[in-house]
Amino acid sequence: MSRRAAGAAHLLVAVPALGGVLMELVVALVDGPGAAGTMAERLVRLFSYFTILSNVGIGVVSVLLAVDPTRDGRLLRVAHLDALLCIVVTGIVYNTVLAGTVEGLTQAGQLSNALLHVASPVLAVVVWLLAGPRPRVDARTVGWSVVGPLAWIAYSFVRGGMVGWYPYPFLDVGALGLARALVNAGLVAAMFLLLALVARWADRRLPAAPGGR
């Protein structure tokens, strides 16, 4: 794949990811505080959702690679793998566990939901397979890439314990109990590590893509 085609492919990922986040932000600002009580709390809650953070991550990295598909560096390698893992987990968890719990979405909500949970994860994987950049995933990159997700899990538990609100039902200590919530978090963390190892395996066997070396 040429550099121009690779850049266009990465942009194709950024559009639904950042577009979906922007839609959710506009809805929050228009609707007001709602159940959160204050606008500040609603915005904090919005950006506490793993879905939002993962789409921001893959969106920003994709924009950088769209501008220059050969861009490289340790930080970018970690950020790209971290964002890829996060958006894949977002798609898997939502479509297998959470989809049935979402009700009463407006048409705008249904559209942003499809962008954030379906279009963005699918496109991110397809574009990574086709455009890379590759090879980029080594053991050190794998290790650092799981730090972000683990930090989010810790943040969710700490903040949830302080304010009594958790971004997802499977982490809700008040409803499930601490032991069950920790088991659920452990399963998610294990999924991250497994996906990171799969990404490393694939990165070493797929053809080199623009920017890889």
N, C-alpha and C. Protein backbone atom coordinates (compact mmCIF):
# COMPACT_ATOMS: atom_id res chain seq x y z
N MET A 1 0.85 -1.19 0.00
CA MET A 1 0.00 0.00 0.00
C MET A 1 0.89 1.25 0.00
N SER A 2 0.57 2.20 -0.86
CA SER A 2 1.35 3.43 -0.95
C SER A 2 1.13 4.29 0.29
N ARG A 3 2.02 5.27 0.48
CA ARG A 3 1.88 6.18 1.61
C ARG A 3 0.59 6.97 1.52
N ARG A 4 0.22 7.40 0.31
CA ARG A 4 -1.01 8.18 0.16
C ARG A 4 -2.22 7.33 0.53
N ALA A 5 -2.25 6.09 0.06
CA ALA A 5 -3.38 5.21 0.36
C ALA A 5 -3.43 4.89 1.85
N ALA A 6 -2.25 4.70 2.46
CA ALA A 6 -2.20 4.43 3.89
C ALA A 6 -2.73 5.61 4.69
N GLY A 7 -2.35 6.82 4.28
CA GLY A 7 -2.84 8.01 4.96
C GLY A 7 -4.35 8.13 4.87
N ALA A 8 -4.90 7.85 3.68
CA ALA A 8 -6.35 7.91 3.50
C ALA A 8 -7.04 6.86 4.35
N ALA A 9 -6.43 5.68 4.47
CA ALA A 9 -7.02 4.61 5.27
C ALA A 9 -7.07 4.99 6.75
N HIS A 10 -5.99 5.58 7.25
CA HIS A 10 -5.98 6.00 8.66
C HIS A 10 -7.02 7.10 8.90
N LEU A 11 -7.20 7.97 7.94
CA LEU A 11 -8.21 9.02 8.08
C LEU A 11 -9.61 8.41 8.15
N LEU A 12 -9.79 7.32 7.45
CA LEU A 12 -11.08 6.63 7.46
C LEU A 12 -11.43 6.11 8.85
N VAL A 13 -10.42 5.82 9.65
CA VAL A 13 -10.65 5.40 11.04
C VAL A 13 -10.96 6.60 11.92
N ALA A 14 -10.25 7.69 11.69
CA ALA A 14 -10.41 8.87 12.54
C ALA A 14 -11.79 9.48 12.44
N VAL A 15 -12.40 9.44 11.27
CA VAL A 15 -13.69 10.13 11.06
C VAL A 15 -14.80 9.57 11.94
N PRO A 16 -15.08 8.26 11.94
CA PRO A 16 -16.14 7.76 12.82
C PRO A 16 -15.78 7.85 14.29
N ALA A 17 -14.49 7.64 14.61
CA ALA A 17 -14.08 7.68 16.01
C ALA A 17 -14.29 9.07 16.61
N LEU A 18 -13.70 10.08 16.00
CA LEU A 18 -13.80 11.44 16.53
C LEU A 18 -15.18 12.04 16.26
N GLY A 19 -15.82 11.63 15.15
CA GLY A 19 -17.17 12.11 14.86
C GLY A 19 -18.16 11.62 15.90
N GLY A 20 -18.05 10.36 16.30
CA GLY A 20 -18.94 9.82 17.33
C GLY A 20 -18.74 10.48 18.67
N VAL A 21 -17.48 10.74 19.03
CA VAL A 21 -17.19 11.43 20.30
C VAL A 21 -17.76 12.84 20.28
N LEU A 22 -17.59 13.53 19.16
CA LEU A 22 -18.11 14.90 19.04
C LEU A 22 -19.63 14.91 19.18
N MET A 23 -20.29 13.94 18.58
CA MET A 23 -21.74 13.85 18.70
C MET A 23 -22.16 13.68 20.16
N GLU A 24 -21.48 12.81 20.87
CA GLU A 24 -21.81 12.57 22.28
C GLU A 24 -21.56 13.82 23.12
N LEU A 25 -20.51 14.55 22.80
CA LEU A 25 -20.19 15.78 23.53
C LEU A 25 -21.26 16.83 23.29
N VAL A 26 -21.68 16.98 22.05
CA VAL A 26 -22.72 17.96 21.72
C VAL A 26 -24.02 17.61 22.43
N VAL A 27 -24.39 16.34 22.42
CA VAL A 27 -25.62 15.90 23.11
C VAL A 27 -25.55 16.24 24.59
N ALA A 28 -24.40 15.98 25.20
CA ALA A 28 -24.25 16.27 26.62
C ALA A 28 -24.39 17.76 26.90
N LEU A 29 -23.78 18.59 26.06
CA LEU A 29 -23.84 20.04 26.26
C LEU A 29 -25.25 20.58 26.03
N VAL A 30 -25.96 20.01 25.07
CA VAL A 30 -27.32 20.46 24.76
C VAL A 30 -28.31 19.99 25.83
N ASP A 31 -28.19 18.76 26.25
CA ASP A 31 -29.14 18.20 27.22
C ASP A 31 -28.94 18.72 28.63
N GLY A 32 -27.72 19.13 28.96
CA GLY A 32 -27.47 19.64 30.30
C GLY A 32 -27.06 18.56 31.28
N PRO A 33 -27.03 18.88 32.57
CA PRO A 33 -26.49 17.97 33.59
C PRO A 33 -27.23 16.64 33.69
N GLY A 34 -28.55 16.65 33.58
CA GLY A 34 -29.31 15.41 33.72
C GLY A 34 -29.12 14.78 35.08
N ALA A 35 -29.02 13.45 35.10
CA ALA A 35 -28.87 12.72 36.35
C ALA A 35 -27.55 12.99 37.05
N ALA A 36 -26.57 13.54 36.31
CA ALA A 36 -25.26 13.81 36.91
C ALA A 36 -25.32 14.94 37.93
N GLY A 37 -26.31 15.83 37.80
CA GLY A 37 -26.45 16.92 38.77
C GLY A 37 -25.82 18.22 38.35
N THR A 38 -24.60 18.17 37.83
CA THR A 38 -23.90 19.36 37.35
C THR A 38 -23.31 19.08 35.98
N MET A 39 -23.09 20.13 35.22
CA MET A 39 -22.51 19.96 33.89
C MET A 39 -21.09 19.41 33.99
N ALA A 40 -20.35 19.88 34.97
CA ALA A 40 -18.98 19.39 35.14
C ALA A 40 -18.97 17.89 35.39
N GLU A 41 -19.88 17.43 36.24
CA GLU A 41 -19.95 16.00 36.55
C GLU A 41 -20.36 15.20 35.32
N ARG A 42 -21.29 15.75 34.53
CA ARG A 42 -21.69 15.02 33.33
C ARG A 42 -20.53 14.87 32.36
N LEU A 43 -19.74 15.91 32.20
CA LEU A 43 -18.60 15.83 31.29
C LEU A 43 -17.53 14.88 31.82
N VAL A 44 -17.32 14.90 33.14
CA VAL A 44 -16.37 13.96 33.73
C VAL A 44 -16.84 12.53 33.48
N ARG A 45 -18.13 12.30 33.67
CA ARG A 45 -18.67 10.96 33.43
C ARG A 45 -18.53 10.56 31.96
N LEU A 46 -18.80 11.50 31.07
CA LEU A 46 -18.68 11.20 29.64
C LEU A 46 -17.29 10.71 29.30
N PHE A 47 -16.27 11.43 29.82
CA PHE A 47 -14.89 11.06 29.49
C PHE A 47 -14.31 10.03 30.46
N SER A 48 -15.19 9.45 31.28
CA SER A 48 -14.81 8.31 32.10
C SER A 48 -15.19 7.00 31.42
N TYR A 49 -16.05 7.10 30.41
CA TYR A 49 -16.44 5.90 29.67
C TYR A 49 -15.27 5.41 28.81
N PHE A 50 -15.01 4.12 28.90
CA PHE A 50 -13.93 3.52 28.13
C PHE A 50 -14.16 3.70 26.64
N THR A 51 -15.43 3.62 26.24
CA THR A 51 -15.76 3.82 24.82
C THR A 51 -15.27 5.16 24.32
N ILE A 52 -15.53 6.21 25.08
CA ILE A 52 -15.12 7.55 24.66
C ILE A 52 -13.61 7.66 24.62
N LEU A 53 -12.95 7.21 25.66
CA LEU A 53 -11.49 7.30 25.73
C LEU A 53 -10.83 6.49 24.61
N SER A 54 -11.34 5.30 24.34
CA SER A 54 -10.73 4.47 23.30
C SER A 54 -10.92 5.09 21.92
N ASN A 55 -12.07 5.71 21.68
CA ASN A 55 -12.30 6.36 20.39
C ASN A 55 -11.47 7.63 20.25
N VAL A 56 -11.30 8.38 21.33
CA VAL A 56 -10.41 9.53 21.29
C VAL A 56 -8.99 9.06 20.96
N GLY A 57 -8.56 8.00 21.63
CA GLY A 57 -7.21 7.49 21.41
C GLY A 57 -6.96 7.05 19.98
N ILE A 58 -7.84 6.20 19.45
CA ILE A 58 -7.63 5.71 18.08
C ILE A 58 -7.83 6.83 17.08
N GLY A 59 -8.72 7.79 17.41
CA GLY A 59 -8.93 8.92 16.52
C GLY A 59 -7.71 9.80 16.39
N VAL A 60 -7.09 10.15 17.53
CA VAL A 60 -5.92 11.01 17.52
C VAL A 60 -4.74 10.33 16.83
N VAL A 61 -4.49 9.07 17.18
CA VAL A 61 -3.38 8.34 16.55
C VAL A 61 -3.61 8.22 15.05
N SER A 62 -4.84 7.98 14.64
CA SER A 62 -5.14 7.83 13.22
C SER A 62 -4.94 9.14 12.47
N VAL A 63 -5.26 10.27 13.10
CA VAL A 63 -5.01 11.56 12.47
C VAL A 63 -3.51 11.76 12.26
N LEU A 64 -2.71 11.44 13.27
CA LEU A 64 -1.26 11.58 13.15
C LEU A 64 -0.71 10.72 12.02
N LEU A 65 -1.22 9.49 11.91
CA LEU A 65 -0.75 8.60 10.85
C LEU A 65 -1.32 8.97 9.49
N ALA A 66 -2.48 9.61 9.47
CA ALA A 66 -3.03 10.08 8.21
C ALA A 66 -2.16 11.18 7.63
N VAL A 67 -1.64 12.04 8.51
CA VAL A 67 -0.75 13.12 8.07
C VAL A 67 0.58 12.55 7.58
N ASP A 68 1.09 11.56 8.30
CA ASP A 68 2.37 10.95 7.93
C ASP A 68 2.36 9.48 8.33
N PRO A 69 2.02 8.58 7.39
CA PRO A 69 1.97 7.14 7.69
C PRO A 69 3.30 6.55 8.12
N THR A 70 4.41 7.26 7.88
CA THR A 70 5.72 6.74 8.27
C THR A 70 6.15 7.26 9.65
N ARG A 71 5.31 8.06 10.28
CA ARG A 71 5.65 8.61 11.60
C ARG A 71 5.98 7.47 12.56
N ASP A 72 7.01 7.66 13.36
CA ASP A 72 7.46 6.60 14.26
C ASP A 72 7.97 7.19 15.56
N GLY A 73 8.30 6.32 16.48
CA GLY A 73 8.78 6.72 17.79
C GLY A 73 8.18 5.82 18.85
N ARG A 74 8.89 5.64 19.96
CA ARG A 74 8.42 4.75 21.02
C ARG A 74 7.04 5.16 21.53
N LEU A 75 6.84 6.44 21.77
CA LEU A 75 5.55 6.90 22.29
C LEU A 75 4.42 6.60 21.32
N LEU A 76 4.66 6.85 20.03
CA LEU A 76 3.61 6.59 19.04
C LEU A 76 3.33 5.10 18.93
N ARG A 77 4.36 4.28 18.99
CA ARG A 77 4.15 2.83 18.91
C ARG A 77 3.27 2.35 20.06
N VAL A 78 3.57 2.82 21.25
CA VAL A 78 2.79 2.43 22.43
C VAL A 78 1.37 2.97 22.31
N ALA A 79 1.24 4.24 21.93
CA ALA A 79 -0.08 4.86 21.82
C ALA A 79 -0.93 4.16 20.77
N HIS A 80 -0.32 3.77 19.65
CA HIS A 80 -1.08 3.11 18.59
C HIS A 80 -1.55 1.74 19.03
N LEU A 81 -0.67 0.95 19.63
CA LEU A 81 -1.07 -0.38 20.07
C LEU A 81 -2.11 -0.27 21.19
N ASP A 82 -1.89 0.65 22.13
CA ASP A 82 -2.84 0.86 23.22
C ASP A 82 -4.21 1.23 22.66
N ALA A 83 -4.25 2.17 21.73
CA ALA A 83 -5.52 2.60 21.14
C ALA A 83 -6.18 1.47 20.38
N LEU A 84 -5.39 0.68 19.66
CA LEU A 84 -5.93 -0.44 18.90
C LEU A 84 -6.55 -1.48 19.84
N LEU A 85 -5.82 -1.81 20.90
CA LEU A 85 -6.34 -2.78 21.88
C LEU A 85 -7.62 -2.26 22.52
N CYS A 86 -7.61 -0.99 22.90
CA CYS A 86 -8.76 -0.41 23.58
C CYS A 86 -10.00 -0.40 22.69
N ILE A 87 -9.83 -0.05 21.43
CA ILE A 87 -11.00 0.03 20.55
C ILE A 87 -11.52 -1.36 20.22
N VAL A 88 -10.64 -2.35 20.15
CA VAL A 88 -11.08 -3.72 19.92
C VAL A 88 -11.87 -4.23 21.13
N VAL A 89 -11.35 -3.98 22.33
CA VAL A 89 -12.07 -4.39 23.54
C VAL A 89 -13.41 -3.67 23.63
N THR A 90 -13.43 -2.40 23.26
CA THR A 90 -14.69 -1.65 23.24
C THR A 90 -15.73 -2.36 22.37
N GLY A 91 -15.32 -2.73 21.17
CA GLY A 91 -16.24 -3.41 20.27
C GLY A 91 -16.69 -4.76 20.81
N ILE A 92 -15.74 -5.54 21.33
CA ILE A 92 -16.07 -6.88 21.83
C ILE A 92 -17.00 -6.81 23.03
N VAL A 93 -16.64 -6.01 24.04
CA VAL A 93 -17.42 -5.96 25.27
C VAL A 93 -18.82 -5.39 25.01
N TYR A 94 -18.88 -4.32 24.21
CA TYR A 94 -20.20 -3.73 23.97
C TYR A 94 -21.11 -4.70 23.23
N ASN A 95 -20.61 -5.29 22.16
CA ASN A 95 -21.47 -6.11 21.31
C ASN A 95 -21.78 -7.49 21.90
N THR A 96 -21.02 -7.92 22.91
CA THR A 96 -21.29 -9.22 23.53
C THR A 96 -21.92 -9.10 24.91
N VAL A 97 -21.72 -7.97 25.59
CA VAL A 97 -22.19 -7.85 26.97
C VAL A 97 -23.17 -6.71 27.18
N LEU A 98 -22.87 -5.54 26.60
CA LEU A 98 -23.61 -4.33 26.96
C LEU A 98 -24.72 -3.94 25.99
N ALA A 99 -24.70 -4.44 24.77
CA ALA A 99 -25.66 -3.98 23.76
C ALA A 99 -27.10 -4.11 24.22
N GLY A 100 -27.42 -5.20 24.88
CA GLY A 100 -28.80 -5.43 25.31
C GLY A 100 -29.24 -4.55 26.47
N THR A 101 -28.30 -3.84 27.09
CA THR A 101 -28.65 -3.00 28.24
C THR A 101 -28.94 -1.57 27.84
N VAL A 102 -28.70 -1.22 26.58
CA VAL A 102 -28.89 0.16 26.12
C VAL A 102 -30.30 0.31 25.54
N GLU A 103 -31.08 1.22 26.11
CA GLU A 103 -32.46 1.42 25.66
C GLU A 103 -32.74 2.91 25.49
N GLY A 104 -33.77 3.20 24.71
CA GLY A 104 -34.26 4.57 24.59
C GLY A 104 -33.33 5.54 23.88
N LEU A 105 -32.51 5.05 22.98
CA LEU A 105 -31.61 5.95 22.26
C LEU A 105 -32.37 6.75 21.22
N THR A 106 -32.03 8.02 21.09
CA THR A 106 -32.56 8.84 20.00
C THR A 106 -31.89 8.42 18.69
N GLN A 107 -32.34 8.99 17.58
CA GLN A 107 -31.71 8.67 16.30
C GLN A 107 -30.24 9.09 16.29
N ALA A 108 -29.97 10.27 16.89
CA ALA A 108 -28.58 10.72 16.99
C ALA A 108 -27.78 9.76 17.87
N GLY A 109 -28.41 9.29 18.95
CA GLY A 109 -27.74 8.35 19.84
C GLY A 109 -27.45 7.03 19.16
N GLN A 110 -28.39 6.57 18.34
CA GLN A 110 -28.17 5.33 17.61
C GLN A 110 -27.03 5.46 16.61
N LEU A 111 -26.95 6.63 15.98
CA LEU A 111 -25.87 6.85 15.02
C LEU A 111 -24.51 6.90 15.71
N SER A 112 -24.40 7.68 16.78
CA SER A 112 -23.13 7.76 17.50
C SER A 112 -22.76 6.41 18.09
N ASN A 113 -23.75 5.67 18.55
CA ASN A 113 -23.52 4.35 19.09
C ASN A 113 -22.91 3.43 18.04
N ALA A 114 -23.46 3.48 16.82
CA ALA A 114 -22.93 2.65 15.73
C ALA A 114 -21.52 3.08 15.34
N LEU A 115 -21.26 4.38 15.34
CA LEU A 115 -19.93 4.87 14.99
C LEU A 115 -18.89 4.43 16.02
N LEU A 116 -19.24 4.58 17.30
CA LEU A 116 -18.28 4.33 18.38
C LEU A 116 -18.05 2.85 18.66
N HIS A 117 -19.10 2.04 18.51
CA HIS A 117 -19.02 0.64 18.93
C HIS A 117 -18.89 -0.36 17.79
N VAL A 118 -19.17 0.08 16.57
CA VAL A 118 -19.11 -0.85 15.43
C VAL A 118 -18.14 -0.35 14.36
N ALA A 119 -18.45 0.82 13.79
CA ALA A 119 -17.63 1.32 12.68
C ALA A 119 -16.18 1.54 13.08
N SER A 120 -15.97 2.23 14.18
CA SER A 120 -14.61 2.54 14.61
C SER A 120 -13.78 1.29 14.92
N PRO A 121 -14.29 0.34 15.74
CA PRO A 121 -13.49 -0.88 16.00
C PRO A 121 -13.19 -1.69 14.74
N VAL A 122 -14.21 -1.87 13.89
CA VAL A 122 -14.01 -2.69 12.69
C VAL A 122 -12.99 -2.04 11.75
N LEU A 123 -13.16 -0.75 11.51
CA LEU A 123 -12.24 -0.05 10.61
C LEU A 123 -10.83 -0.01 11.17
N ALA A 124 -10.70 0.16 12.49
CA ALA A 124 -9.37 0.21 13.10
C ALA A 124 -8.60 -1.08 12.86
N VAL A 125 -9.27 -2.21 13.02
CA VAL A 125 -8.62 -3.50 12.81
C VAL A 125 -8.28 -3.70 11.33
N VAL A 126 -9.24 -3.43 10.46
CA VAL A 126 -9.02 -3.62 9.02
C VAL A 126 -7.86 -2.75 8.53
N VAL A 127 -7.85 -1.48 8.95
CA VAL A 127 -6.80 -0.57 8.49
C VAL A 127 -5.45 -0.98 9.07
N TRP A 128 -5.42 -1.44 10.32
CA TRP A 128 -4.15 -1.90 10.89
C TRP A 128 -3.61 -3.09 10.10
N LEU A 129 -4.50 -4.00 9.74
CA LEU A 129 -4.07 -5.17 8.97
C LEU A 129 -3.54 -4.78 7.60
N LEU A 130 -4.16 -3.77 6.98
CA LEU A 130 -3.78 -3.38 5.63
C LEU A 130 -2.65 -2.35 5.58
N ALA A 131 -2.71 -1.38 6.50
CA ALA A 131 -1.81 -0.23 6.40
C ALA A 131 -0.80 -0.12 7.53
N GLY A 132 -0.92 -0.97 8.52
CA GLY A 132 0.04 -0.92 9.62
C GLY A 132 -0.01 0.37 10.42
N PRO A 133 1.12 1.04 10.60
CA PRO A 133 2.46 0.70 10.11
C PRO A 133 3.04 -0.52 10.83
N ARG A 134 3.88 -1.23 10.10
CA ARG A 134 4.36 -2.51 10.58
C ARG A 134 5.72 -2.83 9.94
N PRO A 135 6.64 -3.51 10.66
CA PRO A 135 6.49 -4.02 12.03
C PRO A 135 6.78 -2.95 13.08
N ARG A 136 6.01 -2.94 14.13
CA ARG A 136 6.16 -1.94 15.18
C ARG A 136 5.99 -2.51 16.59
N VAL A 137 5.50 -3.75 16.73
CA VAL A 137 5.11 -4.27 18.04
C VAL A 137 6.18 -5.21 18.59
N ASP A 138 6.90 -4.74 19.62
CA ASP A 138 7.87 -5.60 20.30
C ASP A 138 7.41 -5.81 21.74
N ALA A 139 8.19 -6.57 22.50
CA ALA A 139 7.78 -6.91 23.87
C ALA A 139 7.64 -5.66 24.74
N ARG A 140 8.53 -4.69 24.57
CA ARG A 140 8.46 -3.47 25.37
C ARG A 140 7.20 -2.68 25.05
N THR A 141 6.86 -2.62 23.78
CA THR A 141 5.64 -1.91 23.38
C THR A 141 4.41 -2.59 23.95
N VAL A 142 4.39 -3.92 23.93
CA VAL A 142 3.27 -4.67 24.52
C VAL A 142 3.14 -4.35 26.00
N GLY A 143 4.26 -4.36 26.72
CA GLY A 143 4.22 -4.08 28.15
C GLY A 143 3.65 -2.71 28.48
N TRP A 144 4.13 -1.69 27.78
CA TRP A 144 3.66 -0.33 28.06
C TRP A 144 2.22 -0.11 27.59
N SER A 145 1.78 -0.85 26.58
CA SER A 145 0.45 -0.62 26.02
C SER A 145 -0.68 -1.01 26.98
N VAL A 146 -0.39 -1.89 27.93
CA VAL A 146 -1.45 -2.31 28.85
C VAL A 146 -1.52 -1.42 30.10
N VAL A 147 -0.59 -0.47 30.22
CA VAL A 147 -0.60 0.42 31.38
C VAL A 147 -1.85 1.31 31.39
N GLY A 148 -2.19 1.85 30.23
CA GLY A 148 -3.36 2.73 30.13
C GLY A 148 -4.65 2.05 30.55
N PRO A 149 -4.98 0.89 30.00
CA PRO A 149 -6.19 0.19 30.42
C PRO A 149 -6.22 -0.14 31.90
N LEU A 150 -5.07 -0.57 32.45
CA LEU A 150 -5.02 -0.87 33.88
C LEU A 150 -5.24 0.39 34.71
N ALA A 151 -4.71 1.52 34.25
CA ALA A 151 -4.92 2.78 34.95
C ALA A 151 -6.39 3.17 34.92
N TRP A 152 -7.06 2.92 33.79
CA TRP A 152 -8.49 3.23 33.70
C TRP A 152 -9.30 2.37 34.66
N ILE A 153 -8.97 1.10 34.77
CA ILE A 153 -9.67 0.21 35.71
C ILE A 153 -9.50 0.72 37.13
N ALA A 154 -8.26 1.08 37.50
CA ALA A 154 -8.01 1.60 38.83
C ALA A 154 -8.77 2.90 39.08
N TYR A 155 -8.76 3.78 38.10
CA TYR A 155 -9.48 5.05 38.20
C TYR A 155 -10.97 4.81 38.40
N SER A 156 -11.54 3.87 37.65
CA SER A 156 -12.97 3.59 37.74
C SER A 156 -13.35 3.11 39.13
N PHE A 157 -12.53 2.26 39.72
CA PHE A 157 -12.83 1.76 41.06
C PHE A 157 -12.66 2.85 42.12
N VAL A 158 -11.59 3.61 42.01
CA VAL A 158 -11.33 4.66 43.02
C VAL A 158 -12.40 5.73 42.96
N ARG A 159 -12.66 6.24 41.77
CA ARG A 159 -13.68 7.29 41.64
C ARG A 159 -15.07 6.75 41.97
N GLY A 160 -15.35 5.53 41.55
CA GLY A 160 -16.64 4.93 41.85
C GLY A 160 -16.86 4.81 43.34
N GLY A 161 -15.81 4.43 44.07
CA GLY A 161 -15.93 4.33 45.51
C GLY A 161 -16.15 5.68 46.18
N MET A 162 -15.65 6.74 45.54
CA MET A 162 -15.80 8.08 46.11
C MET A 162 -17.16 8.71 45.81
N VAL A 163 -17.66 8.52 44.59
CA VAL A 163 -18.90 9.21 44.19
C VAL A 163 -20.09 8.27 44.00
N GLY A 164 -19.85 6.97 44.05
CA GLY A 164 -20.95 6.02 43.91
C GLY A 164 -21.45 5.83 42.49
N TRP A 165 -20.64 6.17 41.50
CA TRP A 165 -21.03 5.99 40.10
C TRP A 165 -19.92 5.26 39.35
N TYR A 166 -20.32 4.24 38.60
CA TYR A 166 -19.38 3.45 37.80
C TYR A 166 -19.79 3.52 36.33
N PRO A 167 -18.84 3.60 35.43
CA PRO A 167 -19.19 3.76 34.01
C PRO A 167 -19.91 2.57 33.40
N TYR A 168 -19.71 1.36 33.95
CA TYR A 168 -20.34 0.18 33.37
C TYR A 168 -20.86 -0.74 34.47
N PRO A 169 -21.97 -1.44 34.20
CA PRO A 169 -22.56 -2.33 35.21
C PRO A 169 -21.61 -3.41 35.71
N PHE A 170 -20.74 -3.92 34.86
CA PHE A 170 -19.88 -5.02 35.28
C PHE A 170 -18.76 -4.58 36.23
N LEU A 171 -18.63 -3.25 36.45
CA LEU A 171 -17.66 -2.74 37.42
C LEU A 171 -18.33 -2.17 38.67
N ASP A 172 -19.66 -2.21 38.72
CA ASP A 172 -20.41 -1.56 39.79
C ASP A 172 -20.28 -2.34 41.10
N VAL A 173 -19.40 -1.87 41.96
CA VAL A 173 -19.15 -2.54 43.25
C VAL A 173 -20.41 -2.54 44.10
N GLY A 174 -21.17 -1.44 44.07
CA GLY A 174 -22.38 -1.36 44.88
C GLY A 174 -23.41 -2.41 44.51
N ALA A 175 -23.52 -2.72 43.22
CA ALA A 175 -24.52 -3.68 42.76
C ALA A 175 -24.00 -5.12 42.78
N LEU A 176 -22.72 -5.30 42.49
CA LEU A 176 -22.17 -6.64 42.35
C LEU A 176 -21.38 -7.14 43.56
N GLY A 177 -20.87 -6.19 44.33
CA GLY A 177 -19.93 -6.56 45.38
C GLY A 177 -18.51 -6.43 44.86
N LEU A 178 -17.58 -6.17 45.76
CA LEU A 178 -16.20 -5.92 45.34
C LEU A 178 -15.58 -7.13 44.66
N ALA A 179 -15.81 -8.32 45.20
CA ALA A 179 -15.16 -9.52 44.65
C ALA A 179 -15.57 -9.75 43.20
N ARG A 180 -16.88 -9.68 42.94
CA ARG A 180 -17.34 -9.93 41.57
C ARG A 180 -16.86 -8.85 40.61
N ALA A 181 -16.87 -7.61 41.06
CA ALA A 181 -16.41 -6.51 40.20
C ALA A 181 -14.93 -6.67 39.88
N LEU A 182 -14.14 -7.10 40.86
CA LEU A 182 -12.71 -7.31 40.62
C LEU A 182 -12.47 -8.47 39.65
N VAL A 183 -13.26 -9.51 39.76
CA VAL A 183 -13.15 -10.63 38.82
C VAL A 183 -13.44 -10.15 37.40
N ASN A 184 -14.52 -9.37 37.25
CA ASN A 184 -14.86 -8.83 35.93
C ASN A 184 -13.74 -7.97 35.37
N ALA A 185 -13.17 -7.12 36.24
CA ALA A 185 -12.06 -6.27 35.80
C ALA A 185 -10.86 -7.12 35.41
N GLY A 186 -10.62 -8.20 36.16
CA GLY A 186 -9.51 -9.09 35.85
C GLY A 186 -9.69 -9.77 34.49
N LEU A 187 -10.92 -10.12 34.17
CA LEU A 187 -11.20 -10.73 32.87
C LEU A 187 -10.93 -9.75 31.73
N VAL A 188 -11.32 -8.50 31.94
CA VAL A 188 -11.06 -7.47 30.93
C VAL A 188 -9.56 -7.26 30.76
N ALA A 189 -8.83 -7.21 31.89
CA ALA A 189 -7.38 -7.03 31.84
C ALA A 189 -6.71 -8.19 31.11
N ALA A 190 -7.20 -9.42 31.38
CA ALA A 190 -6.65 -10.60 30.71
C ALA A 190 -6.91 -10.53 29.20
N MET A 191 -8.08 -9.99 28.82
CA MET A 191 -8.40 -9.84 27.40
C MET A 191 -7.41 -8.89 26.74
N PHE A 192 -7.06 -7.80 27.44
CA PHE A 192 -6.08 -6.87 26.90
C PHE A 192 -4.76 -7.55 26.65
N LEU A 193 -4.27 -8.28 27.63
CA LEU A 193 -2.98 -8.93 27.49
C LEU A 193 -2.99 -9.94 26.35
N LEU A 194 -4.06 -10.72 26.26
CA LEU A 194 -4.17 -11.71 25.19
C LEU A 194 -4.17 -11.04 23.83
N LEU A 195 -4.95 -9.97 23.68
CA LEU A 195 -5.01 -9.26 22.41
C LEU A 195 -3.66 -8.63 22.06
N ALA A 196 -2.95 -8.14 23.08
CA ALA A 196 -1.63 -7.55 22.84
C ALA A 196 -0.66 -8.60 22.31
N LEU A 197 -0.72 -9.80 22.87
CA LEU A 197 0.15 -10.88 22.41
C LEU A 197 -0.22 -11.32 20.99
N VAL A 198 -1.52 -11.34 20.70
CA VAL A 198 -1.96 -11.67 19.35
C VAL A 198 -1.48 -10.61 18.37
N ALA A 199 -1.55 -9.35 18.78
CA ALA A 199 -1.09 -8.26 17.91
C ALA A 199 0.40 -8.39 17.64
N ARG A 200 1.18 -8.76 18.66
CA ARG A 200 2.62 -8.93 18.45
C ARG A 200 2.89 -10.09 17.49
N TRP A 201 2.16 -11.18 17.68
CA TRP A 201 2.33 -12.33 16.79
C TRP A 201 2.01 -11.95 15.35
N ALA A 202 0.89 -11.25 15.15
CA ALA A 202 0.48 -10.85 13.80
C ALA A 202 1.45 -9.84 13.20
N ASP A 203 1.92 -8.92 14.03
CA ASP A 203 2.83 -7.88 13.56
C ASP A 203 4.12 -8.47 12.99
N ARG A 204 4.55 -9.59 13.54
CA ARG A 204 5.80 -10.21 13.10
C ARG A 204 5.61 -11.08 11.87
N ARG A 205 4.37 -11.40 11.52
CA ARG A 205 4.12 -12.31 10.41
C ARG A 205 3.46 -11.67 9.20
N LEU A 206 2.75 -10.56 9.41
CA LEU A 206 2.12 -9.86 8.29
C LEU A 206 3.16 -9.11 7.49
N PRO A 207 2.91 -8.84 6.23
CA PRO A 207 3.86 -8.08 5.40
C PRO A 207 4.10 -6.68 5.97
N ALA A 208 5.30 -6.17 5.78
CA ALA A 208 5.62 -4.82 6.22
C ALA A 208 4.68 -3.83 5.54
N ALA A 209 4.27 -2.81 6.29
CA ALA A 209 3.37 -1.79 5.76
C ALA A 209 4.07 -0.44 5.84
N PRO A 210 3.53 0.58 5.18
CA PRO A 210 4.21 1.88 5.15
C PRO A 210 4.68 2.38 6.52
N GLY A 211 5.93 2.74 6.59
CA GLY A 211 6.48 3.26 7.84
C GLY A 211 7.10 2.21 8.72
N GLY A 212 6.82 0.92 8.48
CA GLY A 212 7.38 -0.12 9.32
C GLY A 212 8.84 -0.37 9.02
N ARG A 213 9.56 -0.74 10.09
CA ARG A 213 10.97 -1.09 9.88
C ARG A 213 11.49 -1.83 11.09
